[in-house]
């Protein structure tokens, strides 16, 4: 059977949230559109795979190791048969009709490659989750609290995060979050995610590649979802910083000049070594820091870690 929408979910130790996410799907697409759900579990230790095996209508790929987000998405994508591909984080819950609204938006806008929803925190408050592509000034501001106090850098960071933009109407968004992003299959590359970005910046890279190919991404407030932001990444513990820095260095090498890469590396080196010398909790040991600054995010952890 040819499905209209293939829903790709990566699971890593978020059993209850994953089950709630899947439970919200029937009312999210409350019409006759057929969909399939493909979940890749990255060797969760909380019983996620066992619980998912009991569900009907779910294709489960149970990895024997944590392969990271990008590789797991690609595994699911290779199994997908839908004309539309939904990238969906396990910590998202749909409001009724939210997925239907995304499908209808793409049906009405054949010139658009993908569309995301309006995000709310679990308490119903707005969640900022739409971005422009990061400029070097925004990257510096995000990396350093003192630099964030410099007005031009602060403005660059606000512009990157689109904090002053109006999302009450549908609009183009250069880099919408891939936490919930419906994509037109015929706009996508053969390999969906670049696996050199195991956890971070794979969605930024995907949006950039689509933009370079002449495609646009949008958001529509007609679709609303609740998002428990960072439910899995919080479990990375002490590996989170290395994953983020290493992937960002890789992204900078792809998008910025060598001089900019060196400036970022020097800034982070000084900051992180100072935190380590002060014995701040969660500070990266020098060996881990040096690897990250070379562009090596390291392997995703096998199990949840404490800070």
C-alpha atoms as a PDB file:
ATOM      1  CA  UNK A   1       0.000   0.000   0.000  1.00  0.00           C
ATOM      2  CA  UNK A   2       1.281   3.458  -0.936  1.00  0.00           C
ATOM      3  CA  UNK A   3       1.115   5.756   2.071  1.00  0.00           C
ATOM      4  CA  UNK A   4       0.635   9.493   1.804  1.00  0.00           C
ATOM      5  CA  UNK A   5       2.854  10.305   4.785  1.00  0.00           C
ATOM      6  CA  UNK A   6       5.789   8.377   6.228  1.00  0.00           C
ATOM      7  CA  UNK A   7       6.509   9.402   9.817  1.00  0.00           C
ATOM      8  CA  UNK A   8      10.126   8.960  10.955  1.00  0.00           C
ATOM      9  CA  UNK A   9      10.821   8.875  14.707  1.00  0.00           C
ATOM     10  CA  UNK A  10      14.124   8.280  16.480  1.00  0.00           C
ATOM     11  CA  UNK A  11      13.819   6.905  19.998  1.00  0.00           C
ATOM     12  CA  UNK A  12      16.480   7.039  22.702  1.00  0.00           C
ATOM     13  CA  UNK A  13      15.351   6.499  26.290  1.00  0.00           C
ATOM     14  CA  UNK A  14      12.121   8.507  26.009  1.00  0.00           C
ATOM     15  CA  UNK A  15       9.674   5.592  26.222  1.00  0.00           C
ATOM     16  CA  UNK A  16       6.698   7.412  27.736  1.00  0.00           C
ATOM     17  CA  UNK A  17       7.121  10.470  25.513  1.00  0.00           C
ATOM     18  CA  UNK A  18       7.519   8.280  22.406  1.00  0.00           C
ATOM     19  CA  UNK A  19       4.329   6.374  23.198  1.00  0.00           C
ATOM     20  CA  UNK A  20       2.450   9.635  23.842  1.00  0.00           C
ATOM     21  CA  UNK A  21       3.758  11.022  20.550  1.00  0.00           C
ATOM     22  CA  UNK A  22       2.493   8.004  18.617  1.00  0.00           C
ATOM     23  CA  UNK A  23      -0.828   8.075  20.509  1.00  0.00           C
ATOM     24  CA  UNK A  24      -1.403  11.635  19.305  1.00  0.00           C
ATOM     25  CA  UNK A  25      -1.091  10.727  15.612  1.00  0.00           C
ATOM     26  CA  UNK A  26      -4.634   9.463  14.842  1.00  0.00           C
ATOM     27  CA  UNK A  27      -6.239  12.789  15.788  1.00  0.00           C
ATOM     28  CA  UNK A  28      -3.396  14.742  14.174  1.00  0.00           C
ATOM     29  CA  UNK A  29      -4.228  13.436  10.699  1.00  0.00           C
ATOM     30  CA  UNK A  30      -7.976  13.046  11.060  1.00  0.00           C
ATOM     31  CA  UNK A  31      -8.889  12.376   7.444  1.00  0.00           C
ATOM     32  CA  UNK A  32      -8.462   9.533   4.976  1.00  0.00           C
ATOM     33  CA  UNK A  33      -4.758  10.136   4.326  1.00  0.00           C
ATOM     34  CA  UNK A  34      -2.833   6.928   4.908  1.00  0.00           C
ATOM     35  CA  UNK A  35       0.371   7.069   6.918  1.00  0.00           C
ATOM     36  CA  UNK A  36       3.013   4.710   8.197  1.00  0.00           C
ATOM     37  CA  UNK A  37       5.179   5.105  11.282  1.00  0.00           C
ATOM     38  CA  UNK A  38       8.820   4.010  11.302  1.00  0.00           C
ATOM     39  CA  UNK A  39      10.603   4.165  14.649  1.00  0.00           C
ATOM     40  CA  UNK A  40      14.334   3.582  15.000  1.00  0.00           C
ATOM     41  CA  UNK A  41      15.299   2.836  18.588  1.00  0.00           C
ATOM     42  CA  UNK A  42      18.961   3.572  19.333  1.00  0.00           C
ATOM     43  CA  UNK A  43      19.477   0.834  21.932  1.00  0.00           C
ATOM     44  CA  UNK A  44      17.374   2.479  24.640  1.00  0.00           C
ATOM     45  CA  UNK A  45      17.797   1.177  28.175  1.00  0.00           C
ATOM     46  CA  UNK A  46      14.331   2.151  29.432  1.00  0.00           C
ATOM     47  CA  UNK A  47      12.223  -0.526  27.754  1.00  0.00           C
ATOM     48  CA  UNK A  48      11.346   1.618  24.730  1.00  0.00           C
ATOM     49  CA  UNK A  49      11.914  -1.122  22.150  1.00  0.00           C
ATOM     50  CA  UNK A  50       9.876  -3.651  24.136  1.00  0.00           C
ATOM     51  CA  UNK A  51       6.968  -1.212  24.463  1.00  0.00           C
ATOM     52  CA  UNK A  52       7.109  -0.285  20.765  1.00  0.00           C
ATOM     53  CA  UNK A  53       7.017  -3.944  19.699  1.00  0.00           C
ATOM     54  CA  UNK A  54       3.602  -4.230  21.345  1.00  0.00           C
ATOM     55  CA  UNK A  55       2.140  -1.441  19.226  1.00  0.00           C
ATOM     56  CA  UNK A  56       0.274  -2.179  16.043  1.00  0.00           C
ATOM     57  CA  UNK A  57       0.937  -0.187  12.906  1.00  0.00           C
ATOM     58  CA  UNK A  58       4.528   0.695  13.797  1.00  0.00           C
ATOM     59  CA  UNK A  59       7.620  -0.499  11.945  1.00  0.00           C
ATOM     60  CA  UNK A  60      10.378  -0.829  14.532  1.00  0.00           C
ATOM     61  CA  UNK A  61      14.090  -0.895  13.756  1.00  0.00           C
ATOM     62  CA  UNK A  62      15.917  -1.776  16.981  1.00  0.00           C
ATOM     63  CA  UNK A  63      19.594  -0.892  16.803  1.00  0.00           C
ATOM     64  CA  UNK A  64      22.055  -2.760  18.990  1.00  0.00           C
ATOM     65  CA  UNK A  65      23.996   0.466  19.641  1.00  0.00           C
ATOM     66  CA  UNK A  66      23.297   4.188  19.713  1.00  0.00           C
ATOM     67  CA  UNK A  67      24.084   5.187  16.137  1.00  0.00           C
ATOM     68  CA  UNK A  68      23.154   8.835  16.638  1.00  0.00           C
ATOM     69  CA  UNK A  69      20.215  10.806  15.312  1.00  0.00           C
ATOM     70  CA  UNK A  70      21.343  11.373  11.722  1.00  0.00           C
ATOM     71  CA  UNK A  71      22.161   7.712  11.011  1.00  0.00           C
ATOM     72  CA  UNK A  72      18.895   6.575  12.607  1.00  0.00           C
ATOM     73  CA  UNK A  73      16.860   9.022  10.500  1.00  0.00           C
ATOM     74  CA  UNK A  74      18.557   7.686   7.378  1.00  0.00           C
ATOM     75  CA  UNK A  75      17.673   4.127   8.422  1.00  0.00           C
ATOM     76  CA  UNK A  76      14.028   5.107   8.753  1.00  0.00           C
ATOM     77  CA  UNK A  77      14.091   7.079   5.494  1.00  0.00           C
ATOM     78  CA  UNK A  78      15.296   4.024   3.584  1.00  0.00           C
ATOM     79  CA  UNK A  79      12.152   2.200   4.766  1.00  0.00           C
ATOM     80  CA  UNK A  80       9.767   5.079   4.035  1.00  0.00           C
ATOM     81  CA  UNK A  81       7.308   4.796   1.154  1.00  0.00           C
ATOM     82  CA  UNK A  82       5.257   7.974   1.557  1.00  0.00           C
ATOM     83  CA  UNK A  83       5.127  10.895  -0.855  1.00  0.00           C
ATOM     84  CA  UNK A  84       5.566  13.162   2.177  1.00  0.00           C
ATOM     85  CA  UNK A  85       8.202  12.584   4.860  1.00  0.00           C
ATOM     86  CA  UNK A  86       7.613  13.760   8.422  1.00  0.00           C
ATOM     87  CA  UNK A  87      10.680  14.203  10.609  1.00  0.00           C
ATOM     88  CA  UNK A  88       9.263  13.872  14.104  1.00  0.00           C
ATOM     89  CA  UNK A  89      10.981  13.996  17.468  1.00  0.00           C
ATOM     90  CA  UNK A  90       9.728  11.593  20.080  1.00  0.00           C
ATOM     91  CA  UNK A  91       9.056  14.493  22.485  1.00  0.00           C
ATOM     92  CA  UNK A  92       6.367  16.094  20.282  1.00  0.00           C
ATOM     93  CA  UNK A  93       2.607  15.751  20.829  1.00  0.00           C
ATOM     94  CA  UNK A  94       0.117  16.917  18.216  1.00  0.00           C
ATOM     95  CA  UNK A  95      -2.979  18.966  18.758  1.00  0.00           C
ATOM     96  CA  UNK A  96      -5.990  17.615  16.828  1.00  0.00           C
ATOM     97  CA  UNK A  97      -5.671  18.230  13.100  1.00  0.00           C
ATOM     98  CA  UNK A  98      -2.085  19.530  13.355  1.00  0.00           C
ATOM     99  CA  UNK A  99      -0.578  17.082  10.875  1.00  0.00           C
ATOM    100  CA  UNK A 100      -3.537  17.433   8.539  1.00  0.00           C
ATOM    101  CA  UNK A 101      -2.860  21.194   8.467  1.00  0.00           C
ATOM    102  CA  UNK A 102       0.747  20.571   7.391  1.00  0.00           C
ATOM    103  CA  UNK A 103      -0.360  18.192   4.624  1.00  0.00           C
ATOM    104  CA  UNK A 104      -2.956  20.650   3.351  1.00  0.00           C
ATOM    105  CA  UNK A 105      -0.418  23.455   3.366  1.00  0.00           C
ATOM    106  CA  UNK A 106       1.915  21.514   1.060  1.00  0.00           C
ATOM    107  CA  UNK A 107      -1.033  20.496  -1.124  1.00  0.00           C
ATOM    108  CA  UNK A 108      -1.899  24.173  -1.561  1.00  0.00           C
ATOM    109  CA  UNK A 109       1.716  25.285  -2.088  1.00  0.00           C
ATOM    110  CA  UNK A 110       3.459  22.993  -4.590  1.00  0.00           C
ATOM    111  CA  UNK A 111       6.363  25.469  -4.684  1.00  0.00           C
ATOM    112  CA  UNK A 112       7.220  24.778  -1.019  1.00  0.00           C
ATOM    113  CA  UNK A 113       9.525  21.871  -0.107  1.00  0.00           C
ATOM    114  CA  UNK A 114       8.566  21.555   3.540  1.00  0.00           C
ATOM    115  CA  UNK A 115       6.565  23.061   6.377  1.00  0.00           C
ATOM    116  CA  UNK A 116       6.683  23.028  10.165  1.00  0.00           C
ATOM    117  CA  UNK A 117       4.175  23.909  12.892  1.00  0.00           C
ATOM    118  CA  UNK A 118       3.948  26.459  15.653  1.00  0.00           C
ATOM    119  CA  UNK A 119       5.606  25.057  18.785  1.00  0.00           C
ATOM    120  CA  UNK A 120       4.346  25.320  22.350  1.00  0.00           C
ATOM    121  CA  UNK A 121       6.008  24.278  25.582  1.00  0.00           C
ATOM    122  CA  UNK A 122       4.133  21.589  27.558  1.00  0.00           C
ATOM    123  CA  UNK A 123       2.587  24.347  29.703  1.00  0.00           C
ATOM    124  CA  UNK A 124       1.173  26.035  26.586  1.00  0.00           C
ATOM    125  CA  UNK A 125       3.630  28.929  26.456  1.00  0.00           C
ATOM    126  CA  UNK A 126       5.236  29.823  23.099  1.00  0.00           C
ATOM    127  CA  UNK A 127       8.479  28.073  22.162  1.00  0.00           C
ATOM    128  CA  UNK A 128      10.979  29.762  19.850  1.00  0.00           C
ATOM    129  CA  UNK A 129      11.883  27.133  17.298  1.00  0.00           C
ATOM    130  CA  UNK A 130      12.410  28.829  13.943  1.00  0.00           C
ATOM    131  CA  UNK A 131      15.738  30.167  12.739  1.00  0.00           C
ATOM    132  CA  UNK A 132      17.640  31.901  10.004  1.00  0.00           C
ATOM    133  CA  UNK A 133      20.959  30.399   9.000  1.00  0.00           C
ATOM    134  CA  UNK A 134      23.590  31.290  11.612  1.00  0.00           C
ATOM    135  CA  UNK A 135      25.917  34.133  10.729  1.00  0.00           C
ATOM    136  CA  UNK A 136      29.394  34.165  12.223  1.00  0.00           C
ATOM    137  CA  UNK A 137      28.381  37.071  14.479  1.00  0.00           C
ATOM    138  CA  UNK A 138      25.428  35.059  15.813  1.00  0.00           C
ATOM    139  CA  UNK A 139      27.667  32.053  16.420  1.00  0.00           C
ATOM    140  CA  UNK A 140      30.110  34.175  18.429  1.00  0.00           C
ATOM    141  CA  UNK A 141      27.270  35.674  20.473  1.00  0.00           C
ATOM    142  CA  UNK A 142      25.800  32.248  21.188  1.00  0.00           C
ATOM    143  CA  UNK A 143      29.204  30.940  22.286  1.00  0.00           C
ATOM    144  CA  UNK A 144      30.100  33.751  24.694  1.00  0.00           C
ATOM    145  CA  UNK A 145      28.033  35.535  27.338  1.00  0.00           C
ATOM    146  CA  UNK A 146      30.365  38.602  27.384  1.00  0.00           C
ATOM    147  CA  UNK A 147      30.196  38.941  23.592  1.00  0.00           C
ATOM    148  CA  UNK A 148      26.414  38.691  23.803  1.00  0.00           C
ATOM    149  CA  UNK A 149      26.422  42.029  25.613  1.00  0.00           C
ATOM    150  CA  UNK A 150      27.852  43.811  22.564  1.00  0.00           C
ATOM    151  CA  UNK A 151      24.783  45.324  20.815  1.00  0.00           C
ATOM    152  CA  UNK A 152      25.626  44.350  17.205  1.00  0.00           C
ATOM    153  CA  UNK A 153      26.325  40.739  18.240  1.00  0.00           C
ATOM    154  CA  UNK A 154      23.221  40.637  20.404  1.00  0.00           C
ATOM    155  CA  UNK A 155      21.146  41.820  17.436  1.00  0.00           C
ATOM    156  CA  UNK A 156      22.702  39.143  15.238  1.00  0.00           C
ATOM    157  CA  UNK A 157      21.700  36.461  17.735  1.00  0.00           C
ATOM    158  CA  UNK A 158      18.122  37.767  17.959  1.00  0.00           C
ATOM    159  CA  UNK A 159      17.880  37.862  14.167  1.00  0.00           C
ATOM    160  CA  UNK A 160      19.217  34.309  13.920  1.00  0.00           C
ATOM    161  CA  UNK A 161      16.613  33.102  16.443  1.00  0.00           C
ATOM    162  CA  UNK A 162      13.886  35.183  14.708  1.00  0.00           C
ATOM    163  CA  UNK A 163      12.806  36.467  18.119  1.00  0.00           C
ATOM    164  CA  UNK A 164      11.283  39.647  16.721  1.00  0.00           C
ATOM    165  CA  UNK A 165       9.468  38.044  13.793  1.00  0.00           C
ATOM    166  CA  UNK A 166       5.725  37.559  13.459  1.00  0.00           C
ATOM    167  CA  UNK A 167       4.556  33.937  13.338  1.00  0.00           C
ATOM    168  CA  UNK A 168       0.835  34.670  13.501  1.00  0.00           C
ATOM    169  CA  UNK A 169       0.695  34.095   9.729  1.00  0.00           C
ATOM    170  CA  UNK A 170       2.315  31.443   7.541  1.00  0.00           C
ATOM    171  CA  UNK A 171       5.764  32.523   6.441  1.00  0.00           C
ATOM    172  CA  UNK A 172       8.997  31.266   4.940  1.00  0.00           C
ATOM    173  CA  UNK A 173      11.591  30.170   7.492  1.00  0.00           C
ATOM    174  CA  UNK A 174      15.149  29.493   6.308  1.00  0.00           C
ATOM    175  CA  UNK A 175      15.817  26.851   8.945  1.00  0.00           C
ATOM    176  CA  UNK A 176      12.750  25.522  10.745  1.00  0.00           C
ATOM    177  CA  UNK A 177      13.342  23.000  13.486  1.00  0.00           C
ATOM    178  CA  UNK A 178      13.310  19.388  12.326  1.00  0.00           C
ATOM    179  CA  UNK A 179      11.537  18.386  15.552  1.00  0.00           C
ATOM    180  CA  UNK A 180       8.383  18.302  13.427  1.00  0.00           C
ATOM    181  CA  UNK A 181       8.979  19.020   9.755  1.00  0.00           C
ATOM    182  CA  UNK A 182       6.894  17.720   6.850  1.00  0.00           C
ATOM    183  CA  UNK A 183       8.957  17.450   3.666  1.00  0.00           C
ATOM    184  CA  UNK A 184       8.060  16.797   0.063  1.00  0.00           C
ATOM    185  CA  UNK A 185       9.903  13.613  -0.899  1.00  0.00           C
ATOM    186  CA  UNK A 186      10.708  14.721  -4.438  1.00  0.00           C
ATOM    187  CA  UNK A 187      12.652  17.711  -3.019  1.00  0.00           C
ATOM    188  CA  UNK A 188      14.911  15.581  -0.824  1.00  0.00           C
ATOM    189  CA  UNK A 189      18.414  14.227  -1.411  1.00  0.00           C
ATOM    190  CA  UNK A 190      19.007  10.500  -1.666  1.00  0.00           C
ATOM    191  CA  UNK A 191      20.595  10.420   1.797  1.00  0.00           C
ATOM    192  CA  UNK A 192      18.462  12.599   4.014  1.00  0.00           C
ATOM    193  CA  UNK A 193      20.875  13.467   6.836  1.00  0.00           C
ATOM    194  CA  UNK A 194      24.626  14.024   6.624  1.00  0.00           C
ATOM    195  CA  UNK A 195      25.981  11.567   9.187  1.00  0.00           C
ATOM    196  CA  UNK A 196      29.087  13.647   9.874  1.00  0.00           C
ATOM    197  CA  UNK A 197      26.649  15.539  12.143  1.00  0.00           C
ATOM    198  CA  UNK A 198      25.568  12.699  14.487  1.00  0.00           C
ATOM    199  CA  UNK A 199      23.280  14.702  16.781  1.00  0.00           C
ATOM    200  CA  UNK A 200      23.636  18.448  16.222  1.00  0.00           C
ATOM    201  CA  UNK A 201      23.512  20.599  13.061  1.00  0.00           C
ATOM    202  CA  UNK A 202      22.204  17.825  10.782  1.00  0.00           C
ATOM    203  CA  UNK A 203      18.916  19.730  10.453  1.00  0.00           C
ATOM    204  CA  UNK A 204      20.765  23.001   9.762  1.00  0.00           C
ATOM    205  CA  UNK A 205      22.806  21.248   7.093  1.00  0.00           C
ATOM    206  CA  UNK A 206      19.674  19.728   5.523  1.00  0.00           C
ATOM    207  CA  UNK A 207      17.920  23.108   5.366  1.00  0.00           C
ATOM    208  CA  UNK A 208      21.034  24.658   3.866  1.00  0.00           C
ATOM    209  CA  UNK A 209      21.303  21.971   1.178  1.00  0.00           C
ATOM    210  CA  UNK A 210      17.634  22.430   0.308  1.00  0.00           C
ATOM    211  CA  UNK A 211      18.102  26.208   0.075  1.00  0.00           C
ATOM    212  CA  UNK A 212      21.141  25.789  -2.167  1.00  0.00           C
ATOM    213  CA  UNK A 213      18.942  23.624  -4.399  1.00  0.00           C
ATOM    214  CA  UNK A 214      16.407  26.447  -4.724  1.00  0.00           C
ATOM    215  CA  UNK A 215      13.856  25.010  -2.272  1.00  0.00           C
ATOM    216  CA  UNK A 216      11.996  26.924   0.428  1.00  0.00           C
ATOM    217  CA  UNK A 217      10.747  25.851   3.846  1.00  0.00           C
ATOM    218  CA  UNK A 218       7.838  27.431   5.700  1.00  0.00           C
ATOM    219  CA  UNK A 219       5.904  27.343   8.948  1.00  0.00           C
ATOM    220  CA  UNK A 220       2.164  27.620   9.448  1.00  0.00           C
ATOM    221  CA  UNK A 221       0.412  28.540  12.719  1.00  0.00           C
ATOM    222  CA  UNK A 222      -2.581  26.477  11.559  1.00  0.00           C
ATOM    223  CA  UNK A 223      -0.605  23.511  12.904  1.00  0.00           C
ATOM    224  CA  UNK A 224       0.236  23.522  16.623  1.00  0.00           C
ATOM    225  CA  UNK A 225       2.266  20.972  18.575  1.00  0.00           C
ATOM    226  CA  UNK A 226       3.517  20.613  22.133  1.00  0.00           C
ATOM    227  CA  UNK A 227       7.248  20.021  22.409  1.00  0.00           C
ATOM    228  CA  UNK A 228       9.213  18.778  25.435  1.00  0.00           C
ATOM    229  CA  UNK A 229      12.366  20.424  24.156  1.00  0.00           C
ATOM    230  CA  UNK A 230      15.592  18.428  24.581  1.00  0.00           C
ATOM    231  CA  UNK A 231      14.114  15.297  26.175  1.00  0.00           C
ATOM    232  CA  UNK A 232      16.819  13.090  24.638  1.00  0.00           C
ATOM    233  CA  UNK A 233      19.701  15.544  24.396  1.00  0.00           C
ATOM    234  CA  UNK A 234      19.473  16.215  28.149  1.00  0.00           C
ATOM    235  CA  UNK A 235      20.443  12.556  28.605  1.00  0.00           C
ATOM    236  CA  UNK A 236      23.763  13.139  26.838  1.00  0.00           C
ATOM    237  CA  UNK A 237      25.187  14.461  30.097  1.00  0.00           C
ATOM    238  CA  UNK A 238      28.852  15.347  29.871  1.00  0.00           C
ATOM    239  CA  UNK A 239      29.058  14.372  26.183  1.00  0.00           C
ATOM    240  CA  UNK A 240      26.625  17.107  25.115  1.00  0.00           C
ATOM    241  CA  UNK A 241      29.253  19.864  24.940  1.00  0.00           C
ATOM    242  CA  UNK A 242      31.676  17.796  22.869  1.00  0.00           C
ATOM    243  CA  UNK A 243      28.913  16.755  20.487  1.00  0.00           C
ATOM    244  CA  UNK A 244      27.794  20.358  20.011  1.00  0.00           C
ATOM    245  CA  UNK A 245      31.249  21.924  19.643  1.00  0.00           C
ATOM    246  CA  UNK A 246      32.577  19.188  17.361  1.00  0.00           C
ATOM    247  CA  UNK A 247      29.569  19.380  15.046  1.00  0.00           C
ATOM    248  CA  UNK A 248      29.640  23.185  14.992  1.00  0.00           C
ATOM    249  CA  UNK A 249      33.309  23.165  13.979  1.00  0.00           C
ATOM    250  CA  UNK A 250      32.376  20.843  11.105  1.00  0.00           C
ATOM    251  CA  UNK A 251      29.539  23.160  10.078  1.00  0.00           C
ATOM    252  CA  UNK A 252      31.818  26.206  10.224  1.00  0.00           C
ATOM    253  CA  UNK A 253      34.341  24.487   7.966  1.00  0.00           C
ATOM    254  CA  UNK A 254      31.551  23.918   5.447  1.00  0.00           C
ATOM    255  CA  UNK A 255      30.174  27.464   5.591  1.00  0.00           C
ATOM    256  CA  UNK A 256      32.771  29.921   6.891  1.00  0.00           C
ATOM    257  CA  UNK A 257      36.299  31.036   6.062  1.00  0.00           C
ATOM    258  CA  UNK A 258      39.302  29.320   7.708  1.00  0.00           C
ATOM    259  CA  UNK A 259      39.935  32.534   9.643  1.00  0.00           C
ATOM    260  CA  UNK A 260      36.453  32.401  11.162  1.00  0.00           C
ATOM    261  CA  UNK A 261      36.964  28.767  12.133  1.00  0.00           C
ATOM    262  CA  UNK A 262      40.203  29.645  13.915  1.00  0.00           C
ATOM    263  CA  UNK A 263      38.592  32.572  15.754  1.00  0.00           C
ATOM    264  CA  UNK A 264      35.789  30.335  17.005  1.00  0.00           C
ATOM    265  CA  UNK A 265      38.239  27.631  18.061  1.00  0.00           C
ATOM    266  CA  UNK A 266      40.388  30.140  19.978  1.00  0.00           C
ATOM    267  CA  UNK A 267      37.378  31.662  21.730  1.00  0.00           C
ATOM    268  CA  UNK A 268      35.999  28.313  22.849  1.00  0.00           C
ATOM    269  CA  UNK A 269      39.438  27.020  23.848  1.00  0.00           C
ATOM    270  CA  UNK A 270      40.036  29.946  26.218  1.00  0.00           C
ATOM    271  CA  UNK A 271      36.535  29.781  27.712  1.00  0.00           C
ATOM    272  CA  UNK A 272      36.406  26.033  28.241  1.00  0.00           C
ATOM    273  CA  UNK A 273      39.923  25.762  29.656  1.00  0.00           C
ATOM    274  CA  UNK A 274      39.051  28.498  32.143  1.00  0.00           C
ATOM    275  CA  UNK A 275      35.944  26.596  33.230  1.00  0.00           C
ATOM    276  CA  UNK A 276      37.978  23.424  33.626  1.00  0.00           C
ATOM    277  CA  UNK A 277      40.643  25.237  35.665  1.00  0.00           C
ATOM    278  CA  UNK A 278      37.895  26.595  37.929  1.00  0.00           C
ATOM    279  CA  UNK A 279      36.511  23.039  38.285  1.00  0.00           C
ATOM    280  CA  UNK A 280      33.066  24.067  37.129  1.00  0.00           C
ATOM    281  CA  UNK A 281      30.534  21.204  36.941  1.00  0.00           C
ATOM    282  CA  UNK A 282      30.293  19.727  33.457  1.00  0.00           C
ATOM    283  CA  UNK A 283      33.500  21.364  32.218  1.00  0.00           C
ATOM    284  CA  UNK A 284      35.075  19.469  29.334  1.00  0.00           C
ATOM    285  CA  UNK A 285      38.398  17.784  30.132  1.00  0.00           C
ATOM    286  CA  UNK A 286      41.171  19.141  27.861  1.00  0.00           C
ATOM    287  CA  UNK A 287      41.453  15.908  25.880  1.00  0.00           C
ATOM    288  CA  UNK A 288      37.731  16.003  25.060  1.00  0.00           C
ATOM    289  CA  UNK A 289      37.875  19.719  24.306  1.00  0.00           C
ATOM    290  CA  UNK A 290      40.820  19.412  21.916  1.00  0.00           C
ATOM    291  CA  UNK A 291      39.045  16.607  20.036  1.00  0.00           C
ATOM    292  CA  UNK A 292      35.865  18.693  19.735  1.00  0.00           C
ATOM    293  CA  UNK A 293      37.790  21.698  18.453  1.00  0.00           C
ATOM    294  CA  UNK A 294      39.318  19.485  15.758  1.00  0.00           C
ATOM    295  CA  UNK A 295      35.778  18.791  14.596  1.00  0.00           C
ATOM    296  CA  UNK A 296      35.376  15.392  16.261  1.00  0.00           C
ATOM    297  CA  UNK A 297      32.064  15.185  18.147  1.00  0.00           C
ATOM    298  CA  UNK A 298      32.829  11.684  19.386  1.00  0.00           C
ATOM    299  CA  UNK A 299      30.545   8.672  19.535  1.00  0.00           C
ATOM    300  CA  UNK A 300      27.027   9.025  20.896  1.00  0.00           C
ATOM    301  CA  UNK A 301      26.846   7.551  24.410  1.00  0.00           C
ATOM    302  CA  UNK A 302      25.528   4.032  24.855  1.00  0.00           C
ATOM    303  CA  UNK A 303      23.378   4.951  27.840  1.00  0.00           C
ATOM    304  CA  UNK A 304      22.067   8.118  29.519  1.00  0.00           C
ATOM    305  CA  UNK A 305      24.782   9.949  31.411  1.00  0.00           C
ATOM    306  CA  UNK A 306      24.807  12.268  34.370  1.00  0.00           C
ATOM    307  CA  UNK A 307      26.372  15.724  34.114  1.00  0.00           C
END
